[in-house]
Amino acid sequence: MDTLTALMLIGVLAVTSFVPRASFILWLHRVRIPGYVQRALRFIPAAVFTGLVLPQLVFVDGTFDVGLHNTKLVAGFVAVGVAGMTRNPLATIVAGMVVLHLARNFVGA
């Protein structure tokens, strides 16, 4: 691919990515969103995060696995517990990674 084609492709992709996002800000900034919709929108980040993370925790090599030998799931439960107790993202990440490391390297899973 030559340089001009690559630059044109980058430009087209940038515009097609920017326009849908900017449209909400540029054209809908005067629209009043009802309170019940605003309350419902607060749950979108948690739902998206769950949709992205949960399959990684419960599927091992494409097979549904929720046993205690699933090290990612065990580390995920520990991370959720630490997050609930501390409300500290760094502590949550460190605890989950430590448990995952220990489970994979010392428990023999």
PDB file of N, CA and C in Angstrom:
ATOM      1  N   MET A   1       0.851  -1.157   0.000  1.00  0.00           N
ATOM      2  CA  MET A   1       0.000   0.000   0.000  1.00  0.00           C
ATOM      3  C   MET A   1       0.910   1.237   0.000  1.00  0.00           C
ATOM      4  N   ASP A   2       0.610   2.165  -0.918  1.00  0.00           N
ATOM      5  CA  ASP A   2       1.442   3.363  -0.978  1.00  0.00           C
ATOM      6  C   ASP A   2       1.029   4.372   0.093  1.00  0.00           C
ATOM      7  N   THR A   3       1.843   5.391   0.262  1.00  0.00           N
ATOM      8  CA  THR A   3       1.643   6.356   1.340  1.00  0.00           C
ATOM      9  C   THR A   3       0.334   7.116   1.201  1.00  0.00           C
ATOM     10  N   LEU A   4      -0.005   7.540   0.001  1.00  0.00           N
ATOM     11  CA  LEU A   4      -1.232   8.304  -0.214  1.00  0.00           C
ATOM     12  C   LEU A   4      -2.464   7.477   0.145  1.00  0.00           C
ATOM     13  N   THR A   5      -2.481   6.235  -0.257  1.00  0.00           N
ATOM     14  CA  THR A   5      -3.608   5.360   0.069  1.00  0.00           C
ATOM     15  C   THR A   5      -3.725   5.157   1.571  1.00  0.00           C
ATOM     16  N   ALA A   6      -2.597   4.968   2.228  1.00  0.00           N
ATOM     17  CA  ALA A   6      -2.613   4.785   3.678  1.00  0.00           C
ATOM     18  C   ALA A   6      -3.125   6.035   4.373  1.00  0.00           C
ATOM     19  N   LEU A   7      -2.682   7.208   3.953  1.00  0.00           N
ATOM     20  CA  LEU A   7      -3.149   8.452   4.563  1.00  0.00           C
ATOM     21  C   LEU A   7      -4.634   8.681   4.307  1.00  0.00           C
ATOM     22  N   MET A   8      -5.094   8.369   3.105  1.00  0.00           N
ATOM     23  CA  MET A   8      -6.525   8.510   2.800  1.00  0.00           C
ATOM     24  C   MET A   8      -7.344   7.549   3.653  1.00  0.00           C
ATOM     25  N   LEU A   9      -6.863   6.338   3.815  1.00  0.00           N
ATOM     26  CA  LEU A   9      -7.559   5.354   4.638  1.00  0.00           C
ATOM     27  C   LEU A   9      -7.622   5.805   6.093  1.00  0.00           C
ATOM     28  N   ILE A  10      -6.521   6.324   6.612  1.00  0.00           N
ATOM     29  CA  ILE A  10      -6.515   6.839   7.981  1.00  0.00           C
ATOM     30  C   ILE A  10      -7.495   7.988   8.117  1.00  0.00           C
ATOM     31  N   GLY A  11      -7.527   8.891   7.131  1.00  0.00           N
ATOM     32  CA  GLY A  11      -8.461  10.020   7.167  1.00  0.00           C
ATOM     33  C   GLY A  11      -9.914   9.574   7.139  1.00  0.00           C
ATOM     34  N   VAL A  12     -10.241   8.641   6.276  1.00  0.00           N
ATOM     35  CA  VAL A  12     -11.619   8.142   6.197  1.00  0.00           C
ATOM     36  C   VAL A  12     -12.015   7.442   7.490  1.00  0.00           C
ATOM     37  N   LEU A  13     -11.143   6.635   8.039  1.00  0.00           N
ATOM     38  CA  LEU A  13     -11.446   5.948   9.291  1.00  0.00           C
ATOM     39  C   LEU A  13     -11.596   6.940  10.449  1.00  0.00           C
ATOM     40  N   ALA A  14     -10.774   7.988  10.459  1.00  0.00           N
ATOM     41  CA  ALA A  14     -10.888   9.004  11.508  1.00  0.00           C
ATOM     42  C   ALA A  14     -12.227   9.722  11.420  1.00  0.00           C
ATOM     43  N   VAL A  15     -12.624  10.086  10.212  1.00  0.00           N
ATOM     44  CA  VAL A  15     -13.907  10.786  10.040  1.00  0.00           C
ATOM     45  C   VAL A  15     -15.066   9.878  10.410  1.00  0.00           C
ATOM     46  N   THR A  16     -15.043   8.636   9.960  1.00  0.00           N
ATOM     47  CA  THR A  16     -16.160   7.736  10.270  1.00  0.00           C
ATOM     48  C   THR A  16     -16.210   7.374  11.745  1.00  0.00           C
ATOM     49  N   SER A  17     -15.113   7.504  12.452  1.00  0.00           N
ATOM     50  CA  SER A  17     -15.110   7.269  13.889  1.00  0.00           C
ATOM     51  C   SER A  17     -15.549   8.521  14.642  1.00  0.00           C
ATOM     52  N   PHE A  18     -15.136   9.686  14.161  1.00  0.00           N
ATOM     53  CA  PHE A  18     -15.416  10.941  14.855  1.00  0.00           C
ATOM     54  C   PHE A  18     -16.857  11.403  14.684  1.00  0.00           C
ATOM     55  N   VAL A  19     -17.409  11.296  13.494  1.00  0.00           N
ATOM     56  CA  VAL A  19     -18.749  11.840  13.205  1.00  0.00           C
ATOM     57  C   VAL A  19     -19.832  11.233  14.092  1.00  0.00           C
ATOM     58  N   PRO A  20     -19.922   9.920  14.250  1.00  0.00           N
ATOM     59  CA  PRO A  20     -20.986   9.404  15.127  1.00  0.00           C
ATOM     60  C   PRO A  20     -20.841   9.865  16.576  1.00  0.00           C
ATOM     61  N   ARG A  21     -19.624   9.992  17.046  1.00  0.00           N
ATOM     62  CA  ARG A  21     -19.419  10.435  18.424  1.00  0.00           C
ATOM     63  C   ARG A  21     -19.729  11.910  18.576  1.00  0.00           C
ATOM     64  N   ALA A  22     -19.280  12.715  17.633  1.00  0.00           N
ATOM     65  CA  ALA A  22     -19.494  14.156  17.709  1.00  0.00           C
ATOM     66  C   ALA A  22     -20.958  14.519  17.492  1.00  0.00           C
ATOM     67  N   SER A  23     -21.692  13.687  16.763  1.00  0.00           N
ATOM     68  CA  SER A  23     -23.091  14.019  16.475  1.00  0.00           C
ATOM     69  C   SER A  23     -23.917  14.153  17.748  1.00  0.00           C
ATOM     70  N   PHE A  24     -23.625  13.331  18.750  1.00  0.00           N
ATOM     71  CA  PHE A  24     -24.370  13.428  19.996  1.00  0.00           C
ATOM     72  C   PHE A  24     -24.090  14.750  20.704  1.00  0.00           C
ATOM     73  N   ILE A  25     -22.873  15.226  20.593  1.00  0.00           N
ATOM     74  CA  ILE A  25     -22.505  16.479  21.254  1.00  0.00           C
ATOM     75  C   ILE A  25     -23.004  17.673  20.443  1.00  0.00           C
ATOM     76  N   LEU A  26     -22.822  17.642  19.121  1.00  0.00           N
ATOM     77  CA  LEU A  26     -23.129  18.796  18.282  1.00  0.00           C
ATOM     78  C   LEU A  26     -24.622  18.993  18.044  1.00  0.00           C
ATOM     79  N   TRP A  27     -25.361  17.907  17.851  1.00  0.00           N
ATOM     80  CA  TRP A  27     -26.755  18.054  17.453  1.00  0.00           C
ATOM     81  C   TRP A  27     -27.747  17.762  18.566  1.00  0.00           C
ATOM     82  N   LEU A  28     -27.354  17.000  19.550  1.00  0.00           N
ATOM     83  CA  LEU A  28     -28.316  16.626  20.581  1.00  0.00           C
ATOM     84  C   LEU A  28     -28.074  17.319  21.920  1.00  0.00           C
ATOM     85  N   HIS A  29     -27.232  18.348  21.956  1.00  0.00           N
ATOM     86  CA  HIS A  29     -26.931  18.991  23.231  1.00  0.00           C
ATOM     87  C   HIS A  29     -28.121  19.770  23.789  1.00  0.00           C
ATOM     88  N   ARG A  30     -29.109  20.078  22.967  1.00  0.00           N
ATOM     89  CA  ARG A  30     -30.286  20.808  23.442  1.00  0.00           C
ATOM     90  C   ARG A  30     -31.428  19.877  23.864  1.00  0.00           C
ATOM     91  N   VAL A  31     -31.285  18.594  23.591  1.00  0.00           N
ATOM     92  CA  VAL A  31     -32.347  17.641  23.913  1.00  0.00           C
ATOM     93  C   VAL A  31     -32.318  17.341  25.404  1.00  0.00           C
ATOM     94  N   ARG A  32     -33.462  17.395  26.031  1.00  0.00           N
ATOM     95  CA  ARG A  32     -33.572  17.087  27.463  1.00  0.00           C
ATOM     96  C   ARG A  32     -33.843  15.595  27.613  1.00  0.00           C
ATOM     97  N   ILE A  33     -32.962  14.920  28.310  1.00  0.00           N
ATOM     98  CA  ILE A  33     -33.109  13.479  28.525  1.00  0.00           C
ATOM     99  C   ILE A  33     -33.898  13.282  29.813  1.00  0.00           C
ATOM    100  N   PRO A  34     -34.966  12.484  29.765  1.00  0.00           N
ATOM    101  CA  PRO A  34     -35.770  12.257  30.975  1.00  0.00           C
ATOM    102  C   PRO A  34     -34.947  11.612  32.090  1.00  0.00           C
ATOM    103  N   GLY A  35     -35.357  11.854  33.319  1.00  0.00           N
ATOM    104  CA  GLY A  35     -34.640  11.352  34.481  1.00  0.00           C
ATOM    105  C   GLY A  35     -34.506   9.848  34.504  1.00  0.00           C
ATOM    106  N   TYR A  36     -35.560   9.118  34.108  1.00  0.00           N
ATOM    107  CA  TYR A  36     -35.488   7.654  34.142  1.00  0.00           C
ATOM    108  C   TYR A  36     -34.473   7.137  33.125  1.00  0.00           C
ATOM    109  N   VAL A  37     -34.293   7.840  32.009  1.00  0.00           N
ATOM    110  CA  VAL A  37     -33.293   7.432  31.021  1.00  0.00           C
ATOM    111  C   VAL A  37     -31.897   7.721  31.560  1.00  0.00           C
ATOM    112  N   GLN A  38     -31.719   8.867  32.203  1.00  0.00           N
ATOM    113  CA  GLN A  38     -30.421   9.187  32.801  1.00  0.00           C
ATOM    114  C   GLN A  38     -30.035   8.163  33.857  1.00  0.00           C
ATOM    115  N   ARG A  39     -31.004   7.750  34.673  1.00  0.00           N
ATOM    116  CA  ARG A  39     -30.712   6.728  35.692  1.00  0.00           C
ATOM    117  C   ARG A  39     -30.335   5.405  35.040  1.00  0.00           C
ATOM    118  N   ALA A  40     -31.016   5.049  33.962  1.00  0.00           N
ATOM    119  CA  ALA A  40     -30.710   3.794  33.265  1.00  0.00           C
ATOM    120  C   ALA A  40     -29.331   3.857  32.599  1.00  0.00           C
ATOM    121  N   LEU A  41     -28.961   5.015  32.085  1.00  0.00           N
ATOM    122  CA  LEU A  41     -27.671   5.157  31.413  1.00  0.00           C
ATOM    123  C   LEU A  41     -26.493   4.999  32.365  1.00  0.00           C
ATOM    124  N   ARG A  42     -26.708   5.209  33.658  1.00  0.00           N
ATOM    125  CA  ARG A  42     -25.626   5.035  34.633  1.00  0.00           C
ATOM    126  C   ARG A  42     -25.145   3.590  34.701  1.00  0.00           C
ATOM    127  N   PHE A  43     -25.994   2.642  34.313  1.00  0.00           N
ATOM    128  CA  PHE A  43     -25.639   1.226  34.419  1.00  0.00           C
ATOM    129  C   PHE A  43     -24.912   0.699  33.175  1.00  0.00           C
ATOM    130  N   ILE A  44     -24.809   1.494  32.130  1.00  0.00           N
ATOM    131  CA  ILE A  44     -24.184   1.026  30.894  1.00  0.00           C
ATOM    132  C   ILE A  44     -22.720   0.655  31.088  1.00  0.00           C
ATOM    133  N   PRO A  45     -21.889   1.478  31.752  1.00  0.00           N
ATOM    134  CA  PRO A  45     -20.484   1.062  31.911  1.00  0.00           C
ATOM    135  C   PRO A  45     -20.329  -0.270  32.639  1.00  0.00           C
ATOM    136  N   ALA A  46     -21.108  -0.488  33.687  1.00  0.00           N
ATOM    137  CA  ALA A  46     -21.010  -1.761  34.416  1.00  0.00           C
ATOM    138  C   ALA A  46     -21.465  -2.928  33.538  1.00  0.00           C
ATOM    139  N   ALA A  47     -22.506  -2.717  32.750  1.00  0.00           N
ATOM    140  CA  ALA A  47     -22.994  -3.784  31.877  1.00  0.00           C
ATOM    141  C   ALA A  47     -21.984  -4.113  30.784  1.00  0.00           C
ATOM    142  N   VAL A  48     -21.385  -3.099  30.205  1.00  0.00           N
ATOM    143  CA  VAL A  48     -20.388  -3.327  29.153  1.00  0.00           C
ATOM    144  C   VAL A  48     -19.160  -4.016  29.743  1.00  0.00           C
ATOM    145  N   PHE A  49     -18.697  -3.545  30.892  1.00  0.00           N
ATOM    146  CA  PHE A  49     -17.535  -4.160  31.543  1.00  0.00           C
ATOM    147  C   PHE A  49     -17.813  -5.627  31.851  1.00  0.00           C
ATOM    148  N   THR A  50     -18.988  -5.914  32.383  1.00  0.00           N
ATOM    149  CA  THR A  50     -19.355  -7.297  32.687  1.00  0.00           C
ATOM    150  C   THR A  50     -19.399  -8.137  31.418  1.00  0.00           C
ATOM    151  N   GLY A  51     -19.950  -7.578  30.357  1.00  0.00           N
ATOM    152  CA  GLY A  51     -20.027  -8.307  29.094  1.00  0.00           C
ATOM    153  C   GLY A  51     -18.667  -8.605  28.488  1.00  0.00           C
ATOM    154  N   LEU A  52     -17.696  -7.754  28.767  1.00  0.00           N
ATOM    155  CA  LEU A  52     -16.348  -7.979  28.240  1.00  0.00           C
ATOM    156  C   LEU A  52     -15.525  -8.916  29.115  1.00  0.00           C
ATOM    157  N   VAL A  53     -15.678  -8.801  30.438  1.00  0.00           N
ATOM    158  CA  VAL A  53     -14.821  -9.543  31.359  1.00  0.00           C
ATOM    159  C   VAL A  53     -15.362 -10.934  31.672  1.00  0.00           C
ATOM    160  N   LEU A  54     -16.641 -11.061  31.898  1.00  0.00           N
ATOM    161  CA  LEU A  54     -17.210 -12.335  32.336  1.00  0.00           C
ATOM    162  C   LEU A  54     -16.902 -13.507  31.401  1.00  0.00           C
ATOM    163  N   PRO A  55     -17.030 -13.357  30.084  1.00  0.00           N
ATOM    164  CA  PRO A  55     -16.664 -14.495  29.223  1.00  0.00           C
ATOM    165  C   PRO A  55     -15.205 -14.913  29.363  1.00  0.00           C
ATOM    166  N   GLN A  56     -14.321 -13.949  29.632  1.00  0.00           N
ATOM    167  CA  GLN A  56     -12.910 -14.288  29.821  1.00  0.00           C
ATOM    168  C   GLN A  56     -12.689 -15.099  31.088  1.00  0.00           C
ATOM    169  N   LEU A  57     -13.557 -14.913  32.071  1.00  0.00           N
ATOM    170  CA  LEU A  57     -13.411 -15.621  33.335  1.00  0.00           C
ATOM    171  C   LEU A  57     -14.021 -17.018  33.315  1.00  0.00           C
ATOM    172  N   VAL A  58     -15.124 -17.198  32.625  1.00  0.00           N
ATOM    173  CA  VAL A  58     -15.845 -18.469  32.725  1.00  0.00           C
ATOM    174  C   VAL A  58     -15.588 -19.428  31.565  1.00  0.00           C
ATOM    175  N   PHE A  59     -14.883 -18.981  30.531  1.00  0.00           N
ATOM    176  CA  PHE A  59     -14.554 -19.877  29.426  1.00  0.00           C
ATOM    177  C   PHE A  59     -13.054 -20.131  29.402  1.00  0.00           C
ATOM    178  N   VAL A  60     -12.687 -21.408  29.431  1.00  0.00           N
ATOM    179  CA  VAL A  60     -11.285 -21.810  29.351  1.00  0.00           C
ATOM    180  C   VAL A  60     -11.144 -22.649  28.088  1.00  0.00           C
ATOM    181  N   ASP A  61     -10.334 -22.171  27.166  1.00  0.00           N
ATOM    182  CA  ASP A  61     -10.127 -22.848  25.876  1.00  0.00           C
ATOM    183  C   ASP A  61     -11.447 -23.110  25.170  1.00  0.00           C
ATOM    184  N   GLY A  62     -12.370 -22.150  25.241  1.00  0.00           N
ATOM    185  CA  GLY A  62     -13.649 -22.262  24.555  1.00  0.00           C
ATOM    186  C   GLY A  62     -14.677 -23.129  25.249  1.00  0.00           C
ATOM    187  N   THR A  63     -14.373 -23.621  26.432  1.00  0.00           N
ATOM    188  CA  THR A  63     -15.283 -24.481  27.176  1.00  0.00           C
ATOM    189  C   THR A  63     -15.727 -23.776  28.445  1.00  0.00           C
ATOM    190  N   PHE A  64     -17.030 -23.819  28.713  1.00  0.00           N
ATOM    191  CA  PHE A  64     -17.585 -23.209  29.914  1.00  0.00           C
ATOM    192  C   PHE A  64     -17.054 -23.954  31.133  1.00  0.00           C
ATOM    193  N   ASP A  65     -16.403 -23.220  32.049  1.00  0.00           N
ATOM    194  CA  ASP A  65     -15.763 -23.845  33.202  1.00  0.00           C
ATOM    195  C   ASP A  65     -15.892 -22.933  34.411  1.00  0.00           C
ATOM    196  N   VAL A  66     -16.697 -23.336  35.380  1.00  0.00           N
ATOM    197  CA  VAL A  66     -16.883 -22.537  36.590  1.00  0.00           C
ATOM    198  C   VAL A  66     -16.412 -23.271  37.836  1.00  0.00           C
ATOM    199  N   GLY A  67     -15.484 -24.189  37.675  1.00  0.00           N
ATOM    200  CA  GLY A  67     -14.949 -24.925  38.816  1.00  0.00           C
ATOM    201  C   GLY A  67     -13.847 -24.156  39.519  1.00  0.00           C
ATOM    202  N   LEU A  68     -13.449 -24.660  40.688  1.00  0.00           N
ATOM    203  CA  LEU A  68     -12.395 -24.015  41.454  1.00  0.00           C
ATOM    204  C   LEU A  68     -11.024 -24.143  40.804  1.00  0.00           C
ATOM    205  N   HIS A  69     -10.877 -25.054  39.849  1.00  0.00           N
ATOM    206  CA  HIS A  69      -9.611 -25.187  39.150  1.00  0.00           C
ATOM    207  C   HIS A  69      -9.451 -24.139  38.040  1.00  0.00           C
ATOM    208  N   ASN A  70     -10.474 -23.342  37.793  1.00  0.00           N
ATOM    209  CA  ASN A  70     -10.401 -22.237  36.839  1.00  0.00           C
ATOM    210  C   ASN A  70      -9.739 -21.053  37.551  1.00  0.00           C
ATOM    211  N   THR A  71      -8.445 -20.872  37.315  1.00  0.00           N
ATOM    212  CA  THR A  71      -7.675 -19.874  38.057  1.00  0.00           C
ATOM    213  C   THR A  71      -8.135 -18.453  37.785  1.00  0.00           C
ATOM    214  N   LYS A  72      -8.551 -18.178  36.556  1.00  0.00           N
ATOM    215  CA  LYS A  72      -9.022 -16.821  36.242  1.00  0.00           C
ATOM    216  C   LYS A  72     -10.301 -16.501  37.002  1.00  0.00           C
ATOM    217  N   LEU A  73     -11.178 -17.470  37.131  1.00  0.00           N
ATOM    218  CA  LEU A  73     -12.428 -17.246  37.856  1.00  0.00           C
ATOM    219  C   LEU A  73     -12.171 -17.034  39.344  1.00  0.00           C
ATOM    220  N   VAL A  74     -11.280 -17.823  39.913  1.00  0.00           N
ATOM    221  CA  VAL A  74     -10.941 -17.662  41.332  1.00  0.00           C
ATOM    222  C   VAL A  74     -10.340 -16.279  41.565  1.00  0.00           C
ATOM    223  N   ALA A  75      -9.403 -15.867  40.707  1.00  0.00           N
ATOM    224  CA  ALA A  75      -8.803 -14.539  40.836  1.00  0.00           C
ATOM    225  C   ALA A  75      -9.853 -13.446  40.651  1.00  0.00           C
ATOM    226  N   GLY A  76     -10.799 -13.673  39.771  1.00  0.00           N
ATOM    227  CA  GLY A  76     -11.878 -12.707  39.575  1.00  0.00           C
ATOM    228  C   GLY A  76     -12.742 -12.554  40.810  1.00  0.00           C
ATOM    229  N   PHE A  77     -13.062 -13.670  41.459  1.00  0.00           N
ATOM    230  CA  PHE A  77     -13.847 -13.591  42.699  1.00  0.00           C
ATOM    231  C   PHE A  77     -13.083 -12.848  43.790  1.00  0.00           C
ATOM    232  N   VAL A  78     -11.792 -13.114  43.895  1.00  0.00           N
ATOM    233  CA  VAL A  78     -10.982 -12.403  44.886  1.00  0.00           C
ATOM    234  C   VAL A  78     -10.960 -10.910  44.568  1.00  0.00           C
ATOM    235  N   ALA A  79     -10.798 -10.566  43.301  1.00  0.00           N
ATOM    236  CA  ALA A  79     -10.771  -9.161  42.901  1.00  0.00           C
ATOM    237  C   ALA A  79     -12.099  -8.470  43.204  1.00  0.00           C
ATOM    238  N   VAL A  80     -13.204  -9.150  42.973  1.00  0.00           N
ATOM    239  CA  VAL A  80     -14.514  -8.572  43.293  1.00  0.00           C
ATOM    240  C   VAL A  80     -14.640  -8.362  44.796  1.00  0.00           C
ATOM    241  N   GLY A  81     -14.171  -9.314  45.572  1.00  0.00           N
ATOM    242  CA  GLY A  81     -14.216  -9.160  47.023  1.00  0.00           C
ATOM    243  C   GLY A  81     -13.371  -7.999  47.513  1.00  0.00           C
ATOM    244  N   VAL A  82     -12.167  -7.880  46.973  1.00  0.00           N
ATOM    245  CA  VAL A  82     -11.291  -6.765  47.362  1.00  0.00           C
ATOM    246  C   VAL A  82     -11.905  -5.443  46.919  1.00  0.00           C
ATOM    247  N   ALA A  83     -12.482  -5.411  45.733  1.00  0.00           N
ATOM    248  CA  ALA A  83     -13.119  -4.184  45.254  1.00  0.00           C
ATOM    249  C   ALA A  83     -14.274  -3.785  46.161  1.00  0.00           C
ATOM    250  N   GLY A  84     -15.057  -4.761  46.602  1.00  0.00           N
ATOM    251  CA  GLY A  84     -16.171  -4.466  47.492  1.00  0.00           C
ATOM    252  C   GLY A  84     -15.739  -3.979  48.857  1.00  0.00           C
ATOM    253  N   MET A  85     -14.623  -4.505  49.343  1.00  0.00           N
ATOM    254  CA  MET A  85     -14.157  -4.109  50.673  1.00  0.00           C
ATOM    255  C   MET A  85     -13.384  -2.791  50.658  1.00  0.00           C
ATOM    256  N   THR A  86     -12.552  -2.578  49.642  1.00  0.00           N
ATOM    257  CA  THR A  86     -11.652  -1.429  49.675  1.00  0.00           C
ATOM    258  C   THR A  86     -12.090  -0.270  48.789  1.00  0.00           C
ATOM    259  N   ARG A  87     -12.832  -0.551  47.731  1.00  0.00           N
ATOM    260  CA  ARG A  87     -13.190   0.466  46.734  1.00  0.00           C
ATOM    261  C   ARG A  87     -11.934   1.117  46.137  1.00  0.00           C
ATOM    262  N   ASN A  88     -10.858   0.352  46.084  1.00  0.00           N
ATOM    263  CA  ASN A  88      -9.580   0.843  45.589  1.00  0.00           C
ATOM    264  C   ASN A  88      -9.225   0.069  44.319  1.00  0.00           C
ATOM    265  N   PRO A  89      -9.218   0.723  43.145  1.00  0.00           N
ATOM    266  CA  PRO A  89      -8.929   0.005  41.903  1.00  0.00           C
ATOM    267  C   PRO A  89      -7.538  -0.628  41.885  1.00  0.00           C
ATOM    268  N   LEU A  90      -6.545   0.061  42.422  1.00  0.00           N
ATOM    269  CA  LEU A  90      -5.195  -0.498  42.421  1.00  0.00           C
ATOM    270  C   LEU A  90      -5.115  -1.754  43.287  1.00  0.00           C
ATOM    271  N   ALA A  91      -5.729  -1.717  44.466  1.00  0.00           N
ATOM    272  CA  ALA A  91      -5.742  -2.899  45.337  1.00  0.00           C
ATOM    273  C   ALA A  91      -6.482  -4.047  44.667  1.00  0.00           C
ATOM    274  N   THR A  92      -7.546  -3.735  43.957  1.00  0.00           N
ATOM    275  CA  THR A  92      -8.313  -4.767  43.254  1.00  0.00           C
ATOM    276  C   THR A  92      -7.466  -5.448  42.198  1.00  0.00           C
ATOM    277  N   ILE A  93      -6.782  -4.654  41.393  1.00  0.00           N
ATOM    278  CA  ILE A  93      -5.952  -5.209  40.319  1.00  0.00           C
ATOM    279  C   ILE A  93      -4.799  -6.031  40.899  1.00  0.00           C
ATOM    280  N   VAL A  94      -4.131  -5.484  41.903  1.00  0.00           N
ATOM    281  CA  VAL A  94      -2.994  -6.191  42.504  1.00  0.00           C
ATOM    282  C   VAL A  94      -3.446  -7.508  43.135  1.00  0.00           C
ATOM    283  N   ALA A  95      -4.540  -7.470  43.873  1.00  0.00           N
ATOM    284  CA  ALA A  95      -5.025  -8.705  44.516  1.00  0.00           C
ATOM    285  C   ALA A  95      -5.388  -9.754  43.478  1.00  0.00           C
ATOM    286  N   GLY A  96      -6.092  -9.356  42.433  1.00  0.00           N
ATOM    287  CA  GLY A  96      -6.459 -10.308  41.390  1.00  0.00           C
ATOM    288  C   GLY A  96      -5.254 -10.905  40.694  1.00  0.00           C
ATOM    289  N   MET A  97      -4.262 -10.068  40.393  1.00  0.00           N
ATOM    290  CA  MET A  97      -3.074 -10.559  39.710  1.00  0.00           C
ATOM    291  C   MET A  97      -2.231 -11.452  40.612  1.00  0.00           C
ATOM    292  N   VAL A  98      -2.131 -11.109  41.891  1.00  0.00           N
ATOM    293  CA  VAL A  98      -1.365 -11.936  42.828  1.00  0.00           C
ATOM    294  C   VAL A  98      -2.010 -13.315  42.956  1.00  0.00           C
ATOM    295  N   VAL A  99      -3.331 -13.344  43.128  1.00  0.00           N
ATOM    296  CA  VAL A  99      -4.025 -14.631  43.257  1.00  0.00           C
ATOM    297  C   VAL A  99      -3.892 -15.435  41.974  1.00  0.00           C
ATOM    298  N   LEU A 100      -4.011 -14.794  40.828  1.00  0.00           N
ATOM    299  CA  LEU A 100      -3.856 -15.503  39.558  1.00  0.00           C
ATOM    300  C   LEU A 100      -2.446 -16.081  39.433  1.00  0.00           C
ATOM    301  N   HIS A 101      -1.452 -15.302  39.771  1.00  0.00           N
ATOM    302  CA  HIS A 101      -0.059 -15.777  39.712  1.00  0.00           C
ATOM    303  C   HIS A 101       0.161 -16.957  40.652  1.00  0.00           C
ATOM    304  N   LEU A 102      -0.297 -16.806  41.890  1.00  0.00           N
ATOM    305  CA  LEU A 102      -0.109 -17.886  42.868  1.00  0.00           C
ATOM    306  C   LEU A 102      -0.840 -19.150  42.438  1.00  0.00           C
ATOM    307  N   ALA A 103      -2.063 -18.999  41.950  1.00  0.00           N
ATOM    308  CA  ALA A 103      -2.850 -20.170  41.548  1.00  0.00           C
ATOM    309  C   ALA A 103      -2.201 -20.885  40.362  1.00  0.00           C
ATOM    310  N   ARG A 104      -1.721 -20.118  39.414  1.00  0.00           N
ATOM    311  CA  ARG A 104      -1.131 -20.753  38.227  1.00  0.00           C
ATOM    312  C   ARG A 104       0.226 -21.361  38.488  1.00  0.00           C
ATOM    313  N   ASN A 105       1.008 -20.757  39.351  1.00  0.00           N
ATOM    314  CA  ASN A 105       2.393 -21.201  39.516  1.00  0.00           C
ATOM    315  C   ASN A 105       2.630 -22.109  40.718  1.00  0.00           C
ATOM    316  N   PHE A 106       1.779 -22.049  41.732  1.00  0.00           N
ATOM    317  CA  PHE A 106       2.055 -22.815  42.926  1.00  0.00           C
ATOM    318  C   PHE A 106       0.993 -23.849  43.276  1.00  0.00           C
ATOM    319  N   VAL A 107      -0.209 -23.658  42.783  1.00  0.00           N
ATOM    320  CA  VAL A 107      -1.252 -24.624  43.069  1.00  0.00           C
ATOM    321  C   VAL A 107      -1.252 -25.733  42.019  1.00  0.00           C
ATOM    322  N   GLY A 108      -0.647 -25.449  40.889  1.00  0.00           N
ATOM    323  CA  GLY A 108      -0.538 -26.469  39.857  1.00  0.00           C
ATOM    324  C   GLY A 108      -1.695 -26.456  38.873  1.00  0.00           C
ATOM    325  N   ALA A 109      -2.437 -25.377  38.861  1.00  0.00           N
ATOM    326  CA  ALA A 109      -3.579 -25.294  37.925  1.00  0.00           C
ATOM    327  C   ALA A 109      -3.120 -24.786  36.590  1.00  0.00           C
TER     328      ALA A 109
END
